[in-house]
Amino acid sequence: MAGVELAPTTIQVLQVLTVVIFAPALSGVIARLEARLQGRRGPRVLQPYYDLAKLFRKETLVPQDAGWVFAAGPVVAFMCYLVVPLLIPVLTTFPLPLGYMGDILGGAFILGLAGFAVALAAAETGSPYAQLGSSRAMTFGALIEPSLLFIVFTVALVTATDLPYFQAAATRASLSSTIRPAHLLAALAFFLLVLNDTGRIPVETHASTLEFGMIDEARAFEHSGPLLALLKWGSSMKQLILYVLLINVFAAPWGLAGSRAVGSVLLAIPVLLAKAFGVGAIFTVIDNSFSKLRLFKITEFMAAAFLLAILAVLVLYLGGG
């Protein structure tokens, strides 16, 4: 078994399947841990799978004023989340056939397209709550883009490449590259961006239906049945994808398969999940350690990420970082 090698295309499909299959499990573990931290019993770890199965069996209801964009949005977003694992190092250290098709900024653009599709579908409904969430998500998303550009720019300068596989290889090859001040500042800025994109900032109430905290959850307010299932499944996939970028590109690109051997590739799956569960636990502790702030404070939160990204560039050029 150890001597059998998998074809590169097979490994690439396995990367996508890893994100698709195990993303709900990550959400279940985080929800269970969050409940424990709050003194509650919490849902089962596999509860997201039961929820998805139930939603896929239900009927899809379409608002009266909604058009084809309402149904197309969740499908387009889900397809975008299937594309990104083709471009990033999920299981292997070596680039796969489609790993050269886009850099880390291209992957961010695809994730941005998914968010735009969901926001457009929410705006199509005419529902005030859905439109509120869509407007907030797009407004605050505009604050993320400058920070992301500076982060990618800094890491590309440090590692001399903007391809995720080669950025991870540069970080893995030398510990000095990992602990360089510029790289650490960029990684911290990306950490804050992931906190924002996964709804763990101390502003959004991601697990409730309160109007005050509706940013991401409100966009799916009018969806039901299979379309809602695609939105929830896609949201958990996006969370795992962001964790993979944080772990395997910026922070800890170790434990990946270095060959196409079956055992090496399959072993990389539990290693990835263990690291993702660890990051999820850190985010959950942060989320439950701070009181929710006023909505306008999110601009200050994202300004901190932007300043860290700028500081990383300045340190790199002026401070020998």
Protein backbone atom coordinates (compact mmCIF):
# COMPACT_ATOMS: atom_id res chain seq x y z
CA MET A 1 0.00 0.00 0.00
CA ALA A 2 2.84 2.35 0.87
CA GLY A 3 4.47 1.76 -2.52
CA VAL A 4 1.35 2.60 -4.49
CA GLU A 5 1.33 6.13 -5.86
CA LEU A 6 -1.69 8.22 -6.69
CA ALA A 7 -2.02 10.18 -9.91
CA PRO A 8 -1.71 13.97 -9.49
CA THR A 9 -5.28 14.48 -10.73
CA THR A 10 -6.52 11.97 -8.17
CA ILE A 11 -4.75 13.83 -5.37
CA GLN A 12 -6.24 17.08 -6.63
CA VAL A 13 -9.74 15.62 -6.50
CA LEU A 14 -8.94 14.26 -3.04
CA GLN A 15 -8.03 17.78 -1.89
CA VAL A 16 -11.43 19.07 -2.98
CA LEU A 17 -13.21 16.11 -1.37
CA THR A 18 -11.33 16.70 1.88
CA VAL A 19 -12.67 20.25 2.07
CA VAL A 20 -16.18 19.23 0.97
CA ILE A 21 -16.53 16.27 3.33
CA PHE A 22 -14.83 17.50 6.48
CA ALA A 23 -15.84 21.19 6.47
CA PRO A 24 -19.15 20.50 8.29
CA ALA A 25 -17.25 18.44 10.88
CA LEU A 26 -15.07 21.46 11.65
CA SER A 27 -18.18 23.58 12.16
CA GLY A 28 -19.62 20.90 14.43
CA VAL A 29 -16.49 20.72 16.58
CA ILE A 30 -16.38 24.51 16.91
CA ALA A 31 -20.08 24.69 17.83
CA ARG A 32 -19.64 21.97 20.46
CA LEU A 33 -16.57 23.64 21.95
CA GLU A 34 -18.30 27.02 21.99
CA ALA A 35 -21.23 25.53 23.87
CA ARG A 36 -18.90 23.93 26.42
CA LEU A 37 -17.15 27.24 27.02
CA GLN A 38 -20.56 28.81 27.68
CA GLY A 39 -21.58 26.08 30.12
CA ARG A 40 -24.05 24.40 27.74
CA ARG A 41 -24.18 20.82 26.52
CA GLY A 42 -24.24 21.92 22.90
CA PRO A 43 -25.12 20.11 19.68
CA ARG A 44 -23.57 16.90 18.46
CA VAL A 45 -20.35 17.17 16.48
CA LEU A 46 -22.10 15.59 13.49
CA GLN A 47 -25.13 17.89 13.77
CA PRO A 48 -24.17 19.95 10.66
CA TYR A 49 -24.42 16.79 8.55
CA TYR A 50 -27.92 16.06 9.88
CA ASP A 51 -28.94 19.66 9.21
CA LEU A 52 -27.69 19.50 5.63
CA ALA A 53 -29.47 16.20 5.00
CA LYS A 54 -32.71 17.66 6.39
CA LEU A 55 -32.45 20.82 4.28
CA PHE A 56 -31.77 18.88 1.07
CA ARG A 57 -35.02 16.96 1.65
CA LYS A 58 -37.09 20.12 2.12
CA GLU A 59 -38.85 22.24 -0.46
CA THR A 60 -37.30 25.41 -1.84
CA LEU A 61 -39.44 28.50 -1.37
CA VAL A 62 -38.75 31.52 -3.57
CA PRO A 63 -39.83 35.07 -2.59
CA GLN A 64 -42.41 36.60 -4.90
CA ASP A 65 -40.16 39.37 -6.21
CA ALA A 66 -37.03 37.23 -6.58
CA GLY A 67 -35.62 36.28 -9.98
CA TRP A 68 -33.14 33.72 -11.24
CA VAL A 69 -30.28 35.42 -9.36
CA PHE A 70 -31.83 34.25 -6.09
CA ALA A 71 -31.34 30.60 -7.06
CA ALA A 72 -28.07 31.08 -8.93
CA GLY A 73 -26.24 32.84 -6.07
CA PRO A 74 -25.83 29.83 -3.74
CA VAL A 75 -24.85 27.58 -6.66
CA VAL A 76 -22.20 30.01 -7.95
CA ALA A 77 -20.80 30.50 -4.44
CA PHE A 78 -20.59 26.74 -3.86
CA MET A 79 -18.78 26.25 -7.17
CA CYS A 80 -16.28 28.95 -6.20
CA TYR A 81 -15.55 27.12 -2.96
CA LEU A 82 -14.87 23.98 -5.01
CA VAL A 83 -12.31 25.81 -7.18
CA VAL A 84 -10.10 27.31 -4.45
CA PRO A 85 -8.84 23.92 -3.07
CA LEU A 86 -7.43 23.25 -6.53
CA LEU A 87 -5.04 26.20 -6.13
CA ILE A 88 -3.80 25.89 -2.54
CA PRO A 89 -1.70 23.29 -0.66
CA VAL A 90 -4.35 21.30 1.18
CA LEU A 91 -2.58 17.92 1.38
CA THR A 92 0.71 18.06 -0.54
CA THR A 93 3.93 20.03 -0.52
CA PHE A 94 4.36 19.72 -4.30
CA PRO A 95 2.18 21.63 -6.77
CA LEU A 96 -0.58 19.68 -8.49
CA PRO A 97 -1.55 20.20 -12.18
CA LEU A 98 -3.92 23.10 -11.50
CA GLY A 99 -1.80 24.60 -8.72
CA TYR A 100 -0.16 26.92 -11.24
CA MET A 101 -3.45 28.30 -12.54
CA GLY A 102 -3.76 31.06 -9.94
CA ASP A 103 -1.81 32.75 -7.17
CA ILE A 104 -2.99 33.49 -3.66
CA LEU A 105 -4.56 36.76 -4.78
CA GLY A 106 -6.49 34.91 -7.48
CA GLY A 107 -7.86 32.56 -4.83
CA ALA A 108 -8.93 35.59 -2.81
CA PHE A 109 -10.73 36.97 -5.86
CA ILE A 110 -12.62 33.69 -6.26
CA LEU A 111 -13.66 33.82 -2.60
CA GLY A 112 -14.70 37.43 -3.16
CA LEU A 113 -16.81 36.34 -6.15
CA ALA A 114 -18.55 33.80 -3.93
CA GLY A 115 -19.36 36.47 -1.37
CA PHE A 116 -20.62 38.80 -4.09
CA ALA A 117 -22.90 36.09 -5.50
CA VAL A 118 -24.42 35.42 -2.07
CA ALA A 119 -24.88 39.15 -1.41
CA LEU A 120 -26.50 39.64 -4.82
CA ALA A 121 -28.89 36.75 -4.19
CA ALA A 122 -29.82 38.26 -0.82
CA ALA A 123 -30.46 41.68 -2.36
CA GLU A 124 -32.66 40.03 -5.01
CA THR A 125 -35.17 38.90 -2.38
CA GLY A 126 -36.32 42.39 -1.44
CA SER A 127 -36.32 41.37 2.22
CA PRO A 128 -35.08 44.18 4.50
CA TYR A 129 -33.15 41.80 6.73
CA ALA A 130 -31.45 40.03 3.82
CA GLN A 131 -30.62 43.33 2.16
CA LEU A 132 -29.29 44.63 5.47
CA GLY A 133 -26.91 41.69 5.77
CA SER A 134 -25.91 42.00 2.11
CA SER A 135 -25.14 45.70 2.47
CA ARG A 136 -23.14 45.22 5.65
CA ALA A 137 -21.17 42.29 4.23
CA MET A 138 -20.18 44.20 1.09
CA THR A 139 -19.37 47.38 3.01
CA PHE A 140 -17.12 45.66 5.51
CA GLY A 141 -15.70 43.43 2.78
CA ALA A 142 -14.35 46.56 1.08
CA LEU A 143 -12.27 47.16 4.20
CA ILE A 144 -10.64 43.75 3.85
CA GLU A 145 -9.33 44.13 0.31
CA PRO A 146 -6.60 46.75 0.98
CA SER A 147 -5.31 44.70 3.91
CA LEU A 148 -5.29 41.52 1.83
CA LEU A 149 -3.35 43.25 -0.95
CA PHE A 150 -0.66 44.41 1.47
CA ILE A 151 -0.49 40.97 3.10
CA VAL A 152 -0.02 39.21 -0.23
CA PHE A 153 2.48 41.85 -1.30
CA THR A 154 4.52 41.40 1.88
CA VAL A 155 4.56 37.60 1.79
CA ALA A 156 5.44 37.65 -1.90
CA LEU A 157 8.42 39.89 -1.14
CA VAL A 158 9.57 37.70 1.74
CA THR A 159 9.23 34.40 -0.15
CA ALA A 160 9.95 35.78 -3.67
CA THR A 161 6.73 34.26 -5.06
CA ASP A 162 2.97 34.73 -4.94
CA LEU A 163 2.01 31.10 -5.63
CA PRO A 164 0.65 29.43 -2.48
CA TYR A 165 2.60 26.18 -2.96
CA PHE A 166 5.92 27.98 -3.29
CA GLN A 167 5.14 30.39 -0.45
CA ALA A 168 4.51 27.39 1.79
CA ALA A 169 7.74 25.77 0.54
CA ALA A 170 9.75 28.91 1.31
CA THR A 171 8.28 29.10 4.80
CA ARG A 172 8.87 25.39 5.40
CA ALA A 173 12.44 25.40 4.08
CA SER A 174 13.78 27.95 6.54
CA LEU A 175 12.71 28.69 10.09
CA SER A 176 14.30 32.12 9.75
CA SER A 177 11.75 32.97 7.04
CA THR A 178 8.92 32.02 9.37
CA ILE A 179 10.09 34.16 12.28
CA ARG A 180 11.06 37.21 10.24
CA PRO A 181 9.23 40.24 11.67
CA ALA A 182 7.67 41.10 8.31
CA HIS A 183 6.30 37.58 7.89
CA LEU A 184 4.98 37.46 11.46
CA LEU A 185 3.22 40.80 11.05
CA ALA A 186 1.66 39.69 7.75
CA ALA A 187 0.55 36.40 9.31
CA LEU A 188 -1.01 38.27 12.25
CA ALA A 189 -2.84 40.58 9.85
CA PHE A 190 -4.17 37.57 7.94
CA PHE A 191 -5.20 36.04 11.27
CA LEU A 192 -7.38 39.09 11.90
CA LEU A 193 -8.85 38.83 8.40
CA VAL A 194 -9.81 35.20 9.02
CA LEU A 195 -11.42 36.22 12.31
CA ASN A 196 -13.52 38.69 10.35
CA ASP A 197 -14.43 36.39 7.46
CA THR A 198 -15.49 33.54 9.75
CA GLY A 199 -17.73 35.75 11.90
CA ARG A 200 -15.54 35.45 14.99
CA ILE A 201 -14.85 39.13 15.45
CA PRO A 202 -16.29 40.56 18.67
CA VAL A 203 -19.00 42.40 16.71
CA GLU A 204 -21.06 39.88 14.75
CA THR A 205 -23.40 37.50 16.55
CA HIS A 206 -22.84 34.68 14.07
CA ALA A 207 -24.96 32.07 15.86
CA SER A 208 -28.15 34.07 16.41
CA THR A 209 -30.85 35.87 14.46
CA LEU A 210 -30.61 39.20 16.26
CA GLU A 211 -30.82 42.12 13.86
CA PHE A 212 -27.96 43.90 15.61
CA GLY A 213 -25.46 41.17 14.80
CA MET A 214 -26.74 40.21 11.36
CA ILE A 215 -23.91 40.47 8.87
CA ASP A 216 -23.27 37.10 7.29
CA GLU A 217 -26.22 35.09 8.60
CA ALA A 218 -28.75 37.65 7.37
CA ARG A 219 -27.81 37.05 3.73
CA ALA A 220 -29.33 33.56 3.92
CA PHE A 221 -32.44 34.78 5.74
CA GLU A 222 -34.85 34.18 2.81
CA HIS A 223 -33.30 30.97 1.48
CA SER A 224 -34.69 27.54 2.30
CA GLY A 225 -34.35 23.89 1.33
CA PRO A 226 -31.42 22.85 -0.88
CA LEU A 227 -30.39 26.45 -1.56
CA LEU A 228 -30.00 27.11 2.16
CA ALA A 229 -28.10 23.83 2.47
CA LEU A 230 -25.65 25.00 -0.22
CA LEU A 231 -25.17 28.30 1.62
CA LYS A 232 -24.47 26.61 4.95
CA TRP A 233 -22.24 23.98 3.38
CA GLY A 234 -20.39 26.65 1.41
CA SER A 235 -19.93 28.76 4.54
CA SER A 236 -18.29 25.85 6.37
CA MET A 237 -16.11 25.15 3.30
CA LYS A 238 -15.00 28.78 3.21
CA GLN A 239 -14.06 28.54 6.89
CA LEU A 240 -11.90 25.45 6.30
CA ILE A 241 -10.30 27.02 3.20
CA LEU A 242 -9.29 30.11 5.18
CA TYR A 243 -7.90 27.88 7.94
CA VAL A 244 -5.88 25.97 5.34
CA LEU A 245 -4.42 29.20 3.98
CA LEU A 246 -3.55 30.39 7.47
CA ILE A 247 -1.99 27.06 8.46
CA ASN A 248 -0.37 25.71 5.31
CA VAL A 249 0.83 28.99 3.78
CA PHE A 250 1.43 31.48 6.60
CA ALA A 251 1.91 29.69 9.92
CA ALA A 252 2.60 25.95 9.96
CA PRO A 253 3.05 24.34 6.52
CA TRP A 254 4.22 21.05 8.00
CA GLY A 255 2.62 17.60 7.96
CA LEU A 256 1.81 17.75 4.24
CA ALA A 257 2.48 14.81 1.95
CA GLY A 258 5.88 15.03 0.32
CA SER A 259 5.23 12.24 -2.19
CA ARG A 260 2.37 10.71 -4.13
CA ALA A 261 2.37 7.55 -2.01
CA VAL A 262 -1.11 6.55 -0.82
CA GLY A 263 -0.10 6.35 2.84
CA SER A 264 1.58 9.75 2.80
CA VAL A 265 -1.38 11.47 1.17
CA LEU A 266 -3.97 9.81 3.41
CA LEU A 267 -1.93 10.64 6.53
CA ALA A 268 -1.97 14.32 5.56
CA ILE A 269 -5.78 14.40 5.97
CA PRO A 270 -5.92 13.78 9.77
CA VAL A 271 -2.89 16.04 10.25
CA LEU A 272 -4.69 18.85 8.42
CA LEU A 273 -7.88 18.29 10.43
CA ALA A 274 -5.95 18.30 13.71
CA LYS A 275 -4.35 21.64 12.83
CA ALA A 276 -7.70 23.05 11.67
CA PHE A 277 -9.41 21.95 14.89
CA GLY A 278 -6.63 23.64 16.86
CA VAL A 279 -7.08 26.91 14.98
CA GLY A 280 -10.84 26.65 15.43
CA ALA A 281 -10.37 26.19 19.16
CA ILE A 282 -8.20 29.32 19.33
CA PHE A 283 -10.80 31.34 17.42
CA THR A 284 -13.60 30.02 19.64
CA VAL A 285 -11.75 31.03 22.80
CA ILE A 286 -11.14 34.50 21.37
CA ASP A 287 -14.78 34.83 20.34
CA ASN A 288 -16.03 33.88 23.80
CA SER A 289 -13.48 35.94 25.72
CA PHE A 290 -14.71 39.36 24.59
CA SER A 291 -18.03 41.10 24.85
CA LYS A 292 -19.70 42.06 21.60
CA LEU A 293 -18.85 45.61 20.54
CA ARG A 294 -20.85 48.20 18.68
CA LEU A 295 -21.19 47.69 14.97
CA PHE A 296 -19.09 50.68 13.90
CA LYS A 297 -16.15 49.25 15.86
CA ILE A 298 -15.58 46.80 13.03
CA THR A 299 -13.86 49.58 11.08
CA GLU A 300 -11.32 49.93 13.89
CA PHE A 301 -10.86 46.17 13.96
CA MET A 302 -10.10 46.01 10.24
CA ALA A 303 -7.96 49.15 10.46
CA ALA A 304 -5.74 47.24 12.88
CA ALA A 305 -5.23 44.50 10.28
CA PHE A 306 -4.49 47.10 7.62
CA LEU A 307 -1.91 48.86 9.81
CA LEU A 308 -0.21 45.56 10.61
CA ALA A 309 0.04 44.81 6.88
CA ILE A 310 1.54 48.24 6.18
CA LEU A 311 3.91 47.85 9.11
CA ALA A 312 5.06 44.53 7.68
CA VAL A 313 6.05 46.25 4.41
CA LEU A 314 7.84 49.05 6.27
CA VAL A 315 9.71 46.61 8.49
CA LEU A 316 10.72 44.58 5.44
CA TYR A 317 12.21 47.59 3.65
CA LEU A 318 13.35 49.85 6.46
CA GLY A 319 14.00 47.54 9.36
CA GLY A 320 15.68 44.59 7.71
CA GLY A 321 12.59 42.45 8.43
